[in-house]
Protein backbone atom coordinates (compact mmCIF):
# COMPACT_ATOMS: atom_id res chain seq x y z
CA MET A 1 -45.23 -1.52 56.25
CA VAL A 2 -43.35 -3.61 57.96
CA GLU A 3 -45.30 -3.53 60.71
CA LEU A 4 -48.35 -4.59 58.68
CA ARG A 5 -46.40 -7.58 57.56
CA THR A 6 -45.06 -8.63 60.36
CA TRP A 7 -47.97 -8.24 63.01
CA ALA A 8 -49.69 -11.40 61.75
CA LEU A 9 -47.41 -13.64 62.95
CA ILE A 10 -46.60 -11.50 66.01
CA GLY A 11 -50.28 -11.76 66.77
CA GLY A 12 -50.08 -15.61 66.31
CA LEU A 13 -47.41 -16.40 68.89
CA LEU A 14 -49.15 -13.83 71.32
CA LEU A 15 -50.97 -16.63 73.24
CA VAL A 16 -48.13 -18.80 73.38
CA GLY A 17 -46.04 -16.08 74.81
CA CYS A 18 -48.57 -15.15 77.32
CA GLN A 19 -49.11 -18.32 78.42
CA GLU A 20 -45.58 -19.13 78.76
CA LYS A 21 -45.05 -16.36 80.58
CA GLN A 22 -47.97 -16.71 83.13
CA ALA A 23 -47.03 -20.58 83.42
CA SER A 24 -43.68 -19.32 84.91
CA GLU A 25 -45.08 -17.00 87.29
CA GLY A 26 -47.56 -19.57 88.47
CA SER A 27 -50.79 -17.79 86.93
CA ALA A 28 -51.21 -19.50 83.57
CA PRO A 29 -54.91 -19.34 82.29
CA PRO A 30 -56.98 -22.54 81.38
CA PRO A 31 -54.97 -24.08 78.28
CA ILE A 32 -56.45 -23.42 74.90
CA GLU A 33 -58.44 -26.29 73.34
CA SER A 34 -58.92 -26.97 69.78
CA SER A 35 -61.94 -25.97 68.14
CA LYS A 36 -64.93 -28.45 67.71
CA PRO A 37 -67.93 -28.43 65.34
CA GLY A 38 -70.64 -26.71 66.71
CA ALA A 39 -68.47 -24.72 69.37
CA CYS A 40 -70.69 -21.45 68.10
CA ALA A 41 -74.03 -23.42 68.40
CA SER A 42 -75.01 -21.50 72.01
CA GLY A 43 -73.71 -17.93 70.83
CA GLY A 44 -70.08 -18.28 71.86
CA GLY A 45 -68.18 -17.35 74.93
CA LYS A 46 -68.67 -14.10 76.73
CA VAL A 47 -66.24 -11.00 77.22
CA ASP A 48 -65.62 -10.07 80.71
CA ASP A 49 -64.36 -6.71 80.79
CA ARG A 50 -67.19 -4.51 81.31
CA LYS A 51 -66.23 -1.59 79.79
CA THR A 52 -65.68 -3.07 76.07
CA ALA A 53 -67.90 -6.39 76.20
CA ALA A 54 -70.53 -4.35 74.10
CA PHE A 55 -67.86 -3.74 71.26
CA PHE A 56 -67.12 -7.41 70.61
CA PRO A 57 -70.13 -9.43 68.92
CA GLY A 58 -70.71 -12.95 70.06
CA VAL A 59 -70.66 -14.44 66.46
CA SER A 60 -69.45 -13.20 63.55
CA GLY A 61 -70.15 -15.30 60.49
CA GLN A 62 -69.10 -18.96 61.72
CA TYR A 63 -66.55 -17.74 64.08
CA CYS A 64 -67.58 -16.84 67.86
CA VAL A 65 -65.92 -15.63 70.98
CA ASP A 66 -64.02 -18.85 72.78
CA PRO A 67 -65.97 -19.85 75.32
CA ASN A 68 -62.79 -22.25 76.31
CA ASN A 69 -60.78 -19.01 76.78
CA PRO A 70 -61.65 -15.95 78.79
CA SER A 71 -61.14 -12.40 77.38
CA ARG A 72 -58.06 -10.66 79.35
CA SER A 73 -57.98 -6.94 80.23
CA TYR A 74 -54.95 -4.79 81.36
CA GLY A 75 -54.81 -1.35 82.91
CA ASP A 76 -57.51 0.89 84.04
CA ALA A 77 -60.20 -0.95 85.83
CA ALA A 78 -58.98 -4.10 84.14
CA GLN A 79 -58.03 -7.55 85.80
CA GLY A 80 -53.74 -6.88 85.30
CA THR A 81 -51.80 -3.62 85.06
CA LEU A 82 -50.39 -2.44 82.01
CA ASP A 83 -46.69 -3.50 83.08
CA GLN A 84 -48.45 -6.85 82.95
CA ALA A 85 -49.38 -6.85 79.44
CA CYS A 86 -46.17 -5.62 78.52
CA THR A 87 -44.97 -8.90 79.83
CA GLU A 88 -47.73 -11.18 78.99
CA LEU A 89 -49.35 -9.80 75.58
CA LEU A 90 -47.43 -6.97 74.31
CA ASP A 91 -44.09 -8.37 73.74
CA GLY A 92 -41.33 -6.06 73.22
CA GLU A 93 -43.30 -3.58 71.81
CA CYS A 94 -44.75 -2.09 75.14
CA GLU A 95 -42.78 1.24 74.52
CA ASN A 96 -44.31 1.96 71.10
CA TYR A 97 -47.84 1.59 72.65
CA LYS A 98 -46.99 3.63 76.01
CA GLN A 99 -45.57 6.53 73.84
CA HIS A 100 -48.84 6.73 71.93
CA GLY A 101 -50.54 7.41 75.67
CA LEU A 102 -51.97 3.65 76.02
CA LYS A 103 -54.36 3.32 78.81
CA ARG A 104 -55.74 -0.25 78.68
CA VAL A 105 -55.81 -3.27 76.65
CA VAL A 106 -58.06 -6.08 76.29
CA MET A 107 -57.53 -9.55 74.28
CA VAL A 108 -60.11 -11.70 72.85
CA ARG A 109 -60.33 -14.77 71.12
CA TYR A 110 -62.61 -15.97 68.17
CA ILE A 111 -62.54 -19.62 67.05
CA ASP A 112 -64.03 -21.42 64.09
CA GLY A 113 -67.32 -22.94 65.16
CA GLN A 114 -67.00 -25.45 62.25
CA GLY A 115 -63.81 -27.03 63.72
CA SER A 116 -61.29 -25.88 62.16
CA PRO A 117 -57.69 -24.50 63.99
CA GLY A 118 -58.61 -21.05 62.46
CA ALA A 119 -58.90 -18.39 65.02
CA VAL A 120 -58.67 -14.76 65.41
CA ASN A 121 -57.01 -12.84 68.11
CA ILE A 122 -58.30 -9.30 68.76
CA ASN A 123 -56.03 -6.72 71.07
CA LEU A 124 -58.30 -3.72 71.45
CA SER A 125 -56.19 -0.91 73.33
CA GLU A 126 -57.37 2.25 74.76
CA TYR A 127 -55.33 5.51 74.47
CA ALA A 128 -55.78 8.86 76.46
CA THR A 129 -56.59 10.84 73.25
CA PRO A 130 -58.01 10.09 69.96
CA GLU A 131 -54.68 11.44 68.26
CA GLY A 132 -52.80 9.05 70.16
CA ALA A 133 -54.88 6.12 68.83
CA TYR A 134 -55.01 7.25 65.32
CA GLY A 135 -51.41 7.98 65.45
CA PHE A 136 -50.37 4.11 66.17
CA PHE A 137 -52.83 3.08 63.82
CA THR A 138 -51.14 5.33 61.05
CA LYS A 139 -47.70 3.30 62.68
CA ARG A 140 -49.07 0.18 62.41
CA VAL A 141 -50.41 0.81 58.76
CA VAL A 142 -47.33 3.07 57.46
CA GLY A 143 -44.58 2.79 59.77
CA ASP A 144 -41.39 4.20 58.63
CA GLU A 145 -41.92 2.41 55.09
CA ASP A 146 -42.95 4.53 51.84
CA PRO A 147 -46.45 3.64 50.97
CA ALA A 148 -46.12 4.34 47.49
CA GLU A 149 -43.85 0.90 47.40
CA GLU A 150 -46.32 -1.21 48.63
CA ALA A 151 -49.67 0.65 49.41
CA PRO A 152 -51.91 -0.98 52.41
CA LYS A 153 -55.40 -1.76 51.31
CA PRO A 154 -58.07 0.25 53.08
CA LEU A 155 -60.64 -1.42 55.17
CA GLU A 156 -64.31 0.10 55.35
CA ALA A 157 -64.35 0.10 58.94
CA GLY A 158 -64.72 2.06 61.95
CA GLY A 159 -62.85 5.67 61.37
CA ALA A 160 -60.37 3.97 59.23
CA GLY A 161 -59.44 1.15 58.60
CA SER A 162 -56.59 -1.52 56.58
CA ILE A 163 -56.27 -5.06 55.88
CA GLY A 164 -53.11 -7.01 54.86
CA SER A 165 -52.03 -10.90 54.68
CA GLY A 166 -53.48 -12.42 57.87
CA ILE A 167 -54.06 -8.78 59.83
CA ALA A 168 -56.58 -6.07 59.85
CA TYR A 169 -56.87 -2.63 62.11
CA VAL A 170 -59.42 -0.65 63.30
CA TRP A 171 -59.18 2.88 64.52
CA ARG A 172 -62.27 4.78 66.15
CA GLY A 173 -61.98 7.58 68.76
CA ASN A 174 -59.75 6.57 71.48
CA TYR A 175 -59.49 2.79 70.22
CA LEU A 176 -57.53 0.96 67.80
CA ALA A 177 -58.31 -2.73 67.27
CA GLU A 178 -55.64 -5.04 65.92
CA LEU A 179 -57.14 -8.22 64.45
CA SER A 180 -54.85 -11.18 63.47
CA TYR A 181 -55.90 -14.51 62.05
CA THR A 182 -53.92 -17.66 62.39
CA ASN A 183 -54.46 -21.17 61.25
CA GLU A 184 -51.33 -23.93 61.32
CA LEU A 185 -53.19 -25.54 58.29
CA ASP A 186 -53.15 -22.77 55.82
CA SER A 187 -50.48 -22.41 53.39
CA PRO A 188 -49.47 -18.34 53.37
CA ASP A 189 -51.66 -17.99 49.95
CA LYS A 190 -54.78 -20.15 51.55
CA LEU A 191 -53.86 -17.82 55.02
CA ARG A 192 -54.17 -14.49 52.86
CA GLU A 193 -57.49 -15.88 51.30
CA ASN A 194 -59.22 -16.95 54.33
CA SER A 195 -58.42 -13.98 56.20
CA ALA A 196 -59.45 -11.62 53.64
CA LYS A 197 -62.89 -13.36 53.96
CA ILE A 198 -63.07 -13.79 57.94
CA LEU A 199 -61.53 -10.19 59.05
CA PRO A 200 -63.47 -7.85 56.90
CA MET A 201 -66.86 -9.09 58.51
CA LEU A 202 -65.57 -9.15 62.15
CA ALA A 203 -63.68 -5.58 61.79
CA SER A 204 -66.89 -4.08 60.37
CA VAL A 205 -69.11 -4.97 63.40
CA LEU A 206 -66.19 -3.92 65.64
CA GLY A 207 -65.87 -0.77 63.69
CA GLU A 208 -69.49 0.25 64.32
CA GLN A 209 -69.78 -1.14 67.94
CA ILE A 210 -66.68 0.60 69.32
CA GLN A 211 -67.64 3.73 70.94
CA GLY A 212 -66.06 6.82 70.02
CA ALA A 213 -66.01 9.61 67.16
CA LYS A 214 -65.09 8.45 63.52
CA GLU A 215 -63.65 11.97 62.59
CA LEU A 216 -60.19 12.10 61.75
CA PRO A 217 -58.23 14.19 64.28
CA LYS A 218 -58.47 17.57 62.85
CA ALA A 219 -54.77 17.93 61.25
CA ALA A 220 -55.15 14.32 59.41
CA ALA A 221 -58.41 16.14 58.16
CA ARG A 222 -57.41 18.99 56.82
CA LEU A 223 -54.68 17.27 54.60
CA PRO A 224 -55.64 17.19 50.83
CA GLY A 225 -56.90 14.28 48.95
CA GLN A 226 -55.65 14.90 45.64
CA ASP A 227 -52.47 12.92 44.68
CA GLN A 228 -52.45 11.71 48.13
CA ILE A 229 -51.18 7.73 48.24
CA THR A 230 -54.21 5.48 49.37
CA LEU A 231 -53.91 5.39 53.42
CA GLY A 232 -50.70 7.32 53.05
CA THR A 233 -50.99 9.27 56.78
CA ARG A 234 -48.99 9.07 59.40
CA TYR A 235 -49.53 11.26 62.67
CA LEU A 236 -46.67 11.91 64.71
CA LEU A 237 -47.26 13.27 68.45
CA THR A 238 -43.88 14.64 68.46
CA ASP A 239 -41.81 17.01 65.69
CA ALA A 240 -44.08 15.80 62.68
CA LEU A 241 -41.46 17.52 59.99
CA GLY A 242 -38.70 15.60 61.49
CA ILE A 243 -37.18 18.92 62.77
CA ALA A 244 -37.08 19.58 66.58
CA GLY A 245 -39.67 22.23 67.65
CA THR A 246 -42.46 21.31 65.15
CA GLY A 247 -44.81 19.35 67.71
CA ALA A 248 -47.48 17.05 66.70
CA GLY A 249 -49.09 16.95 63.25
CA ALA A 250 -50.29 14.99 60.55
CA VAL A 251 -48.31 13.86 57.48
CA GLY A 252 -49.42 12.97 54.22
CA PHE A 253 -47.87 11.03 51.48
CA TYR A 254 -48.33 12.13 47.46
CA LYS A 255 -47.08 11.06 44.12
CA ARG A 256 -47.94 13.33 41.15
CA GLY A 257 -46.37 11.50 37.99
CA ASP A 258 -43.10 10.66 38.94
CA LYS A 259 -42.82 13.53 41.59
CA ARG A 260 -42.88 13.10 45.21
CA PHE A 261 -43.97 15.46 48.15
CA ARG A 262 -45.15 15.60 51.61
CA VAL A 263 -48.09 17.92 52.99
CA VAL A 264 -47.92 18.61 56.59
CA VAL A 265 -50.34 20.02 58.88
CA LEU A 266 -49.23 21.38 62.25
CA PRO A 267 -52.02 22.30 64.32
CA ALA A 268 -52.59 24.66 67.34
CA THR A 269 -55.41 26.08 69.48
CA ASP A 270 -55.52 29.13 67.70
CA GLU A 271 -53.75 31.51 65.11
CA ALA A 272 -51.29 32.93 67.56
CA GLY A 273 -50.38 29.36 68.71
CA ALA A 274 -49.90 28.69 64.69
CA LYS A 275 -47.19 31.26 64.41
CA ASP A 276 -45.66 30.24 67.65
CA ARG A 277 -44.84 26.46 65.70
CA LEU A 278 -43.78 28.29 62.65
CA GLY A 279 -41.41 30.15 64.85
CA ALA A 280 -39.32 26.47 64.83
CA LEU A 281 -38.80 26.92 60.86
CA LYS A 282 -38.02 30.20 60.60
CA LYS A 283 -35.13 29.56 62.88
CA LEU A 284 -33.52 27.34 60.56
CA SER A 285 -30.61 28.52 58.77
CA GLY A 286 -30.96 29.82 55.33
CA SER A 287 -34.80 30.49 55.87
CA LYS A 288 -36.94 33.38 54.26
CA LYS A 289 -40.09 35.11 54.88
CA LEU A 290 -42.48 33.99 52.40
CA ASP A 291 -45.25 36.58 51.58
CA GLY A 292 -48.67 36.24 49.70
CA VAL A 293 -49.55 32.95 51.37
CA GLY A 294 -51.72 32.71 54.77
CA SER A 295 -51.15 35.23 57.50
CA GLU A 296 -47.38 34.16 57.75
CA GLY A 297 -45.10 32.17 55.49
CA VAL A 298 -41.57 30.91 55.19
CA SER A 299 -39.35 28.74 52.79
CA PHE A 300 -37.03 27.03 54.38
CA SER A 301 -34.44 23.75 53.97
CA TRP A 302 -33.18 21.28 56.62
CA ARG A 303 -31.54 17.65 56.47
CA ASP A 304 -33.33 14.99 58.49
CA ALA A 305 -30.13 13.11 59.17
CA ASP A 306 -26.43 13.83 59.14
CA GLN A 307 -25.89 12.58 55.73
CA GLY A 308 -29.38 12.79 54.51
CA PRO A 309 -30.21 14.91 51.39
CA LEU A 310 -30.85 18.23 51.63
CA LEU A 311 -34.72 18.80 51.90
CA GLU A 312 -36.54 22.07 50.92
CA GLY A 313 -40.16 23.05 52.30
CA VAL A 314 -42.58 26.26 52.05
CA ALA A 315 -45.20 26.50 54.79
CA ALA A 316 -47.62 28.97 56.10
CA VAL A 317 -50.02 29.84 59.13
CA HIS A 318 -53.74 29.09 58.37
CA GLY A 319 -56.10 30.26 61.05
CA ASP A 320 -55.20 27.84 63.94
CA SER A 321 -52.45 25.51 61.86
CA VAL A 322 -49.39 25.29 60.11
CA LEU A 323 -49.40 23.64 56.66
CA ALA A 324 -46.27 22.85 54.80
CA VAL A 325 -45.36 21.14 51.51
CA VAL A 326 -41.99 19.59 51.64
CA ASP A 327 -39.63 17.36 49.74
CA GLU A 328 -40.20 13.30 50.08
CA PRO A 329 -37.21 12.06 51.86
CA LEU A 330 -37.83 8.36 50.67
CA ALA A 331 -37.36 9.81 47.20
CA LEU A 332 -34.01 11.49 47.71
CA GLU A 333 -30.54 10.33 48.21
CA ALA A 334 -27.80 12.11 49.73
CA ASP A 335 -25.23 11.96 46.72
CA GLN A 336 -28.05 12.19 44.15
CA ALA A 337 -26.96 14.43 41.12
CA ALA A 338 -29.44 17.89 41.20
CA GLU A 339 -30.81 17.08 37.61
CA GLU A 340 -31.99 13.67 38.84
CA ALA A 341 -33.35 14.91 42.02
CA GLN A 342 -35.34 17.43 40.06
CA LYS A 343 -37.15 14.76 38.09
CA VAL A 344 -38.72 13.30 41.62
CA LYS A 345 -39.15 16.72 43.71
CA LEU A 346 -41.27 19.81 43.26
CA SER A 347 -39.72 22.67 42.16
CA ALA A 348 -39.78 25.69 44.14
CA ASP A 349 -42.83 27.38 42.23
CA GLU A 350 -44.63 23.77 42.38
CA LYS A 351 -44.39 23.74 46.04
CA LEU A 352 -45.78 27.59 46.34
CA GLU A 353 -48.74 26.71 44.20
CA GLN A 354 -49.28 23.20 46.09
CA LEU A 355 -49.26 25.02 49.52
CA LYS A 356 -51.54 27.75 48.13
CA ARG A 357 -54.07 25.00 46.79
CA SER A 358 -53.86 23.01 50.26
CA LEU A 359 -54.55 26.61 51.85
CA GLY A 360 -57.52 27.16 49.78
CA ASP A 361 -55.97 30.22 48.24
């Protein structure tokens, strides 16, 4: 949730940083002009990027594409390169984008046609795969924080959406739209109030007009819904279990009473591939064969950090995937007394029962 809370501030600074950088390189775009009443009367400005222009509505409520500040695009078949996007637009986060397979970015600015200094900046990023785009969406919404502590708010838009104070995210197919509302005259409470009115409408239209499937990646779609925390999903492109060799997968965060746990789905192309992925867990010290679940199962334990708590889990192959039920490290401490830990973690029998339920057994 750190990213959800801070991106609104970052979004408000993007254009300023972009202008300063471009000015130093002698290629600054036209200066931003304040919105004037009636600025949207003629339907607003145009988005120059041919590939994505149809995704952006000219007008949304009282906001429209800023006619005084053209859109900017970076990457494949775009105005600028991804390296330029890194210095002009993405600030210090470029590597995070690239690690998820970033291909191109388009920036579009909307202004208030009634003349207030309110604006919505949209970064639409395209990735090589839907998994990469969805993975970055979950990184933005959940990040490394505990979704049970401050649950993000879902937003009906695209394949998945979320909204916070001054910021909204929309995922669909290979695309992620990041919308940030700014208004220098708004107090924090007013900004939260205004963004809750302005962003959902624009996000909803974007979610319908962006091209791509709305269906979640296979691993994320297989996560059980019962007891899952709202928007409690991370999609990781490497080592989803925090164990080397486990590879990409979907991590679901769950809460049942006072007890916390995770369900992890590791996808493969077929059952043989899934058994290969289970092999990484079988190699852990102390792992044991688990009978009666899936086509092959194992119980295991590990530490996700040198000083972290001991974590336990069970996993099994089911078709072309591995499903695992594991302890929630965010609810445990390394020096926690055993009786205290048992209050917030599933017992071995409860983990096995949850695994069978998740497998549909």
